[in-house]
C-alpha atoms as a PDB file:
ATOM      1  CA  MET A   1       1.375 -88.259  82.909  1.00  0.00           C
ATOM      2  CA  ASN A   2       2.873 -86.966  86.154  1.00  0.00           C
ATOM      3  CA  ARG A   3       6.222 -88.604  85.364  1.00  0.00           C
ATOM      4  CA  VAL A   4       6.352 -86.816  82.030  1.00  0.00           C
ATOM      5  CA  ARG A   5       5.917 -83.425  83.761  1.00  0.00           C
ATOM      6  CA  ILE A   6       8.643 -84.259  86.298  1.00  0.00           C
ATOM      7  CA  ALA A   7      10.967 -85.382  83.488  1.00  0.00           C
ATOM      8  CA  LYS A   8      10.327 -82.126  81.571  1.00  0.00           C
ATOM      9  CA  ARG A   9      10.982 -80.035  84.677  1.00  0.00           C
ATOM     10  CA  LEU A  10      14.206 -81.908  85.358  1.00  0.00           C
ATOM     11  CA  LEU A  11      15.213 -81.422  81.731  1.00  0.00           C
ATOM     12  CA  TYR A  12      14.618 -77.655  82.070  1.00  0.00           C
ATOM     13  CA  VAL A  13      16.638 -77.565  85.286  1.00  0.00           C
ATOM     14  CA  TYR A  14      19.514 -79.444  83.625  1.00  0.00           C
ATOM     15  CA  ILE A  15      19.408 -77.126  80.622  1.00  0.00           C
ATOM     16  CA  ALA A  16      19.418 -74.092  82.923  1.00  0.00           C
ATOM     17  CA  VAL A  17      22.399 -75.470  84.850  1.00  0.00           C
ATOM     18  CA  ILE A  18      24.278 -76.159  81.605  1.00  0.00           C
ATOM     19  CA  VAL A  19      23.547 -72.636  80.326  1.00  0.00           C
ATOM     20  CA  VAL A  20      24.726 -71.097  83.617  1.00  0.00           C
ATOM     21  CA  PHE A  21      27.950 -73.128  83.484  1.00  0.00           C
ATOM     22  CA  ALA A  22      28.496 -72.205  79.842  1.00  0.00           C
ATOM     23  CA  VAL A  23      28.029 -68.495  80.529  1.00  0.00           C
ATOM     24  CA  LEU A  24      30.257 -68.706  83.606  1.00  0.00           C
ATOM     25  CA  SER A  25      32.952 -70.541  81.613  1.00  0.00           C
ATOM     26  CA  VAL A  26      32.933 -67.921  78.867  1.00  0.00           C
ATOM     27  CA  TYR A  27      33.113 -65.130  81.454  1.00  0.00           C
ATOM     28  CA  LEU A  28      36.047 -66.774  83.247  1.00  0.00           C
ATOM     29  CA  LEU A  29      37.913 -67.399  79.984  1.00  0.00           C
ATOM     30  CA  ILE A  30      37.526 -63.730  79.078  1.00  0.00           C
ATOM     31  CA  ARG A  31      38.816 -62.722  82.524  1.00  0.00           C
ATOM     32  CA  VAL A  32      41.824 -65.050  82.271  1.00  0.00           C
ATOM     33  CA  TYR A  33      42.634 -63.718  78.801  1.00  0.00           C
ATOM     34  CA  SER A  34      42.378 -60.100  79.973  1.00  0.00           C
ATOM     35  CA  LEU A  35      44.591 -60.794  83.009  1.00  0.00           C
ATOM     36  CA  ASP A  36      47.146 -62.617  80.846  1.00  0.00           C
ATOM     37  CA  ASN A  37      47.102 -59.648  78.488  1.00  0.00           C
ATOM     38  CA  LEU A  38      47.459 -57.197  81.380  1.00  0.00           C
ATOM     39  CA  TYR A  39      50.520 -58.979  82.772  1.00  0.00           C
ATOM     40  CA  SER A  40      52.330 -59.658  79.491  1.00  0.00           C
ATOM     41  CA  PHE A  41      54.959 -57.570  77.730  1.00  0.00           C
ATOM     42  CA  LYS A  42      53.506 -54.814  75.577  1.00  0.00           C
ATOM     43  CA  GLN A  43      55.187 -52.633  73.022  1.00  0.00           C
ATOM     44  CA  THR A  44      55.207 -48.911  73.667  1.00  0.00           C
ATOM     45  CA  PHE A  45      56.457 -45.796  71.958  1.00  0.00           C
ATOM     46  CA  GLN A  46      57.764 -43.422  74.609  1.00  0.00           C
ATOM     47  CA  ASN A  47      60.185 -40.547  74.375  1.00  0.00           C
ATOM     48  CA  ILE A  48      63.195 -41.967  76.193  1.00  0.00           C
ATOM     49  CA  SER A  49      65.714 -39.332  75.143  1.00  0.00           C
ATOM     50  CA  GLY A  50      67.869 -38.387  78.064  1.00  0.00           C
ATOM     51  CA  LEU A  51      67.372 -41.601  80.040  1.00  0.00           C
ATOM     52  CA  CYS A  52      70.785 -42.877  78.944  1.00  0.00           C
ATOM     53  CA  SER A  53      73.833 -41.163  77.570  1.00  0.00           C
ATOM     54  CA  GLN A  54      75.335 -41.976  74.188  1.00  0.00           C
ATOM     55  CA  ASN A  55      71.970 -43.050  72.679  1.00  0.00           C
ATOM     56  CA  LYS A  56      71.979 -46.370  74.528  1.00  0.00           C
ATOM     57  CA  SER A  57      68.903 -48.381  75.403  1.00  0.00           C
ATOM     58  CA  ALA A  58      67.423 -47.683  78.825  1.00  0.00           C
ATOM     59  CA  ASN A  59      66.010 -50.372  81.113  1.00  0.00           C
ATOM     60  CA  ILE A  60      64.236 -49.480  84.336  1.00  0.00           C
ATOM     61  CA  LEU A  61      62.679 -51.714  86.951  1.00  0.00           C
ATOM     62  CA  PHE A  62      60.120 -49.943  89.124  1.00  0.00           C
ATOM     63  CA  TYR A  63      59.578 -51.813  92.379  1.00  0.00           C
ATOM     64  CA  GLY A  64      58.316 -51.279  95.902  1.00  0.00           C
ATOM     65  CA  ASN A  65      59.379 -52.348  99.386  1.00  0.00           C
ATOM     66  CA  ASN A  66      56.079 -53.987 100.321  1.00  0.00           C
ATOM     67  CA  CYS A  67      55.544 -55.898  97.078  1.00  0.00           C
ATOM     68  CA  ALA A  68      55.889 -59.685  97.250  1.00  0.00           C
ATOM     69  CA  SER A  69      56.862 -60.285  93.626  1.00  0.00           C
ATOM     70  CA  CYS A  70      59.075 -57.192  93.413  1.00  0.00           C
ATOM     71  CA  MET A  71      62.058 -58.746  95.182  1.00  0.00           C
ATOM     72  CA  SER A  72      62.192 -61.781  92.875  1.00  0.00           C
ATOM     73  CA  GLU A  73      61.840 -59.544  89.828  1.00  0.00           C
ATOM     74  CA  LEU A  74      64.553 -57.253  91.215  1.00  0.00           C
ATOM     75  CA  SER A  75      66.875 -60.247  91.607  1.00  0.00           C
ATOM     76  CA  ALA A  76      66.123 -61.466  88.064  1.00  0.00           C
ATOM     77  CA  PHE A  77      66.579 -57.949  86.634  1.00  0.00           C
ATOM     78  CA  THR A  78      69.955 -57.572  88.348  1.00  0.00           C
ATOM     79  CA  ASN A  79      71.133 -61.018  87.203  1.00  0.00           C
ATOM     80  CA  VAL A  80      70.045 -60.577  83.576  1.00  0.00           C
ATOM     81  CA  THR A  81      71.451 -57.084  83.107  1.00  0.00           C
ATOM     82  CA  SER A  82      74.758 -58.164  84.669  1.00  0.00           C
ATOM     83  CA  ALA A  83      75.027 -60.971  82.106  1.00  0.00           C
ATOM     84  CA  PHE A  84      75.469 -58.335  79.378  1.00  0.00           C
ATOM     85  CA  GLY A  85      78.756 -57.080  80.834  1.00  0.00           C
ATOM     86  CA  GLY A  86      79.153 -53.921  82.823  1.00  0.00           C
ATOM     87  CA  SER A  87      78.480 -53.401  86.485  1.00  0.00           C
ATOM     88  CA  TRP A  88      75.953 -52.131  88.977  1.00  0.00           C
ATOM     89  CA  ILE A  89      77.013 -49.133  91.039  1.00  0.00           C
ATOM     90  CA  GLY A  90      74.250 -48.393  93.498  1.00  0.00           C
ATOM     91  CA  ASN A  91      70.992 -48.496  91.577  1.00  0.00           C
ATOM     92  CA  LYS A  92      72.510 -47.744  88.173  1.00  0.00           C
ATOM     93  CA  PHE A  93      73.970 -50.223  85.711  1.00  0.00           C
ATOM     94  CA  TYR A  94      76.776 -49.158  83.419  1.00  0.00           C
ATOM     95  CA  GLY A  95      77.133 -51.451  80.437  1.00  0.00           C
ATOM     96  CA  PRO A  96      78.291 -51.441  76.825  1.00  0.00           C
ATOM     97  CA  TYR A  97      74.837 -51.958  75.270  1.00  0.00           C
ATOM     98  CA  PHE A  98      72.419 -50.208  77.606  1.00  0.00           C
ATOM     99  CA  CYS A  99      72.047 -48.511  80.926  1.00  0.00           C
ATOM    100  CA  ALA A 100      69.669 -49.745  83.604  1.00  0.00           C
ATOM    101  CA  TYR A 101      68.139 -48.425  86.776  1.00  0.00           C
ATOM    102  CA  LYS A 102      66.441 -49.969  89.786  1.00  0.00           C
ATOM    103  CA  PHE A 103      63.778 -47.432  90.781  1.00  0.00           C
ATOM    104  CA  ASN A 104      62.330 -47.930  94.274  1.00  0.00           C
ATOM    105  CA  VAL A 105      58.912 -46.242  94.059  1.00  0.00           C
ATOM    106  CA  SER A 106      58.298 -46.680  97.813  1.00  0.00           C
ATOM    107  CA  GLN A 107      61.524 -44.839  98.620  1.00  0.00           C
ATOM    108  CA  TYR A 108      60.752 -42.180  96.003  1.00  0.00           C
ATOM    109  CA  ASN A 109      57.379 -41.507  97.641  1.00  0.00           C
ATOM    110  CA  ILE A 110      59.155 -40.926 100.977  1.00  0.00           C
ATOM    111  CA  ASP A 111      62.164 -38.960  99.692  1.00  0.00           C
ATOM    112  CA  PRO A 112      62.409 -38.241  95.932  1.00  0.00           C
ATOM    113  CA  SER A 113      66.006 -37.041  96.202  1.00  0.00           C
ATOM    114  CA  SER A 114      67.161 -40.406  97.561  1.00  0.00           C
ATOM    115  CA  VAL A 115      66.389 -42.297  94.335  1.00  0.00           C
ATOM    116  CA  GLN A 116      69.137 -42.364  91.697  1.00  0.00           C
ATOM    117  CA  ALA A 117      67.344 -42.376  88.344  1.00  0.00           C
ATOM    118  CA  PRO A 118      66.953 -40.100  85.347  1.00  0.00           C
ATOM    119  CA  ALA A 119      64.589 -37.176  85.707  1.00  0.00           C
ATOM    120  CA  GLY A 120      62.164 -38.548  83.107  1.00  0.00           C
ATOM    121  CA  SER A 121      61.748 -41.925  84.783  1.00  0.00           C
ATOM    122  CA  ILE A 122      58.868 -40.944  87.079  1.00  0.00           C
ATOM    123  CA  GLN A 123      56.977 -39.474  84.110  1.00  0.00           C
ATOM    124  CA  LEU A 124      57.612 -42.726  82.248  1.00  0.00           C
ATOM    125  CA  PHE A 125      56.239 -44.727  85.186  1.00  0.00           C
ATOM    126  CA  SER A 126      53.165 -42.495  85.464  1.00  0.00           C
ATOM    127  CA  SER A 127      52.431 -42.666  81.745  1.00  0.00           C
ATOM    128  CA  LEU A 128      52.579 -46.481  81.606  1.00  0.00           C
ATOM    129  CA  SER A 129      51.146 -47.533  84.956  1.00  0.00           C
ATOM    130  CA  ASP A 130      50.917 -46.812  88.629  1.00  0.00           C
ATOM    131  CA  ARG A 131      51.598 -50.386  89.722  1.00  0.00           C
ATOM    132  CA  VAL A 132      54.722 -52.234  90.754  1.00  0.00           C
ATOM    133  CA  PRO A 133      56.589 -54.229  89.776  1.00  0.00           C
ATOM    134  CA  MET A 134      56.829 -52.720  86.340  1.00  0.00           C
ATOM    135  CA  VAL A 135      59.760 -53.133  84.015  1.00  0.00           C
ATOM    136  CA  PHE A 136      60.485 -50.825  81.089  1.00  0.00           C
ATOM    137  CA  ILE A 137      62.895 -52.025  78.424  1.00  0.00           C
ATOM    138  CA  GLY A 138      63.494 -49.128  76.102  1.00  0.00           C
ATOM    139  CA  GLY A 139      65.689 -49.589  73.117  1.00  0.00           C
ATOM    140  CA  ILE A 140      66.538 -47.545  70.105  1.00  0.00           C
ATOM    141  CA  TYR A 141      64.809 -50.213  68.010  1.00  0.00           C
ATOM    142  CA  SER A 142      61.919 -51.295  70.212  1.00  0.00           C
ATOM    143  CA  GLN A 143      60.434 -50.421  73.594  1.00  0.00           C
ATOM    144  CA  TYR A 144      58.542 -52.788  75.878  1.00  0.00           C
ATOM    145  CA  TYR A 145      56.988 -52.727  79.310  1.00  0.00           C
ATOM    146  CA  LYS A 146      55.409 -55.262  81.610  1.00  0.00           C
ATOM    147  CA  ILE A 147      53.284 -54.706  84.670  1.00  0.00           C
ATOM    148  CA  GLY A 148      53.280 -57.340  87.405  1.00  0.00           C
ATOM    149  CA  GLY A 149      55.555 -60.149  88.433  1.00  0.00           C
ATOM    150  CA  PHE A 150      56.529 -63.410  86.800  1.00  0.00           C
ATOM    151  CA  THR A 151      55.542 -66.951  87.710  1.00  0.00           C
ATOM    152  CA  SER A 152      59.143 -67.786  88.676  1.00  0.00           C
ATOM    153  CA  ILE A 153      62.613 -66.272  88.722  1.00  0.00           C
ATOM    154  CA  ALA A 154      63.643 -68.539  85.824  1.00  0.00           C
ATOM    155  CA  THR A 155      60.722 -67.258  83.725  1.00  0.00           C
ATOM    156  CA  ALA A 156      61.575 -63.688  84.684  1.00  0.00           C
ATOM    157  CA  GLU A 157      65.198 -64.095  83.669  1.00  0.00           C
ATOM    158  CA  GLN A 158      64.322 -65.757  80.366  1.00  0.00           C
ATOM    159  CA  GLN A 159      61.724 -63.131  79.396  1.00  0.00           C
ATOM    160  CA  LEU A 160      63.809 -60.168  80.542  1.00  0.00           C
ATOM    161  CA  LYS A 161      66.764 -61.440  78.503  1.00  0.00           C
ATOM    162  CA  THR A 162      64.542 -61.944  75.450  1.00  0.00           C
ATOM    163  CA  TYR A 163      63.127 -58.424  75.549  1.00  0.00           C
ATOM    164  CA  ILE A 164      66.446 -56.756  76.330  1.00  0.00           C
ATOM    165  CA  CYS A 165      67.914 -58.550  73.305  1.00  0.00           C
ATOM    166  CA  ARG A 166      65.016 -57.370  71.145  1.00  0.00           C
ATOM    167  CA  SER A 167      65.475 -53.804  72.336  1.00  0.00           C
ATOM    168  CA  ILE A 168      69.177 -53.779  71.397  1.00  0.00           C
ATOM    169  CA  ASN A 169      68.590 -55.617  68.120  1.00  0.00           C
ATOM    170  CA  ASP A 170      70.405 -58.770  69.348  1.00  0.00           C
ATOM    171  CA  VAL A 171      73.852 -57.105  69.061  1.00  0.00           C
ATOM    172  CA  ALA A 172      75.249 -58.526  72.322  1.00  0.00           C
ATOM    173  CA  PRO A 173      76.902 -61.962  72.406  1.00  0.00           C
ATOM    174  CA  THR A 174      74.578 -62.765  75.335  1.00  0.00           C
ATOM    175  CA  CYS A 175      71.680 -62.676  72.866  1.00  0.00           C
ATOM    176  CA  ALA A 176      72.968 -65.681  70.897  1.00  0.00           C
ATOM    177  CA  GLY A 177      70.375 -68.421  70.972  1.00  0.00           C
ATOM    178  CA  VAL A 178      67.578 -66.262  72.366  1.00  0.00           C
END
């Protein structure tokens, strides 16, 4: 009779452990999903008039000096935008399909006049997030933003190219095969 009681108690302990692991697994899956969602590209509808001349798409990378993933995203952003033709002069990109800016939030916090970016860019940053890195890809057709870094520079370049192409409606030859 004593063995039956011990077996029942062990069964209850095992059931309790299984329930705890099941609840913990569900909680962790929800957290992973919410973090994946937080750090993925999202569509937005912002007023971007005035960010670029001639009704071009506007792309802005907001980054900081003391941000580990910012420098790799900055490198990827520079590489991808340059692939569309045009050139970087300082922190502004002049190209045939869009304009782009590299906005150093750390430098802006120290001296706002030292950052070369459109006047509406800080309002755009504040309305979407207060975290860096953050990239805004604003096209006439679609607008996207992403908070946080990428898992690798290759992933960053591939995703940035994809969303820039979407924002300009795939009109650039660089968009072929994306």
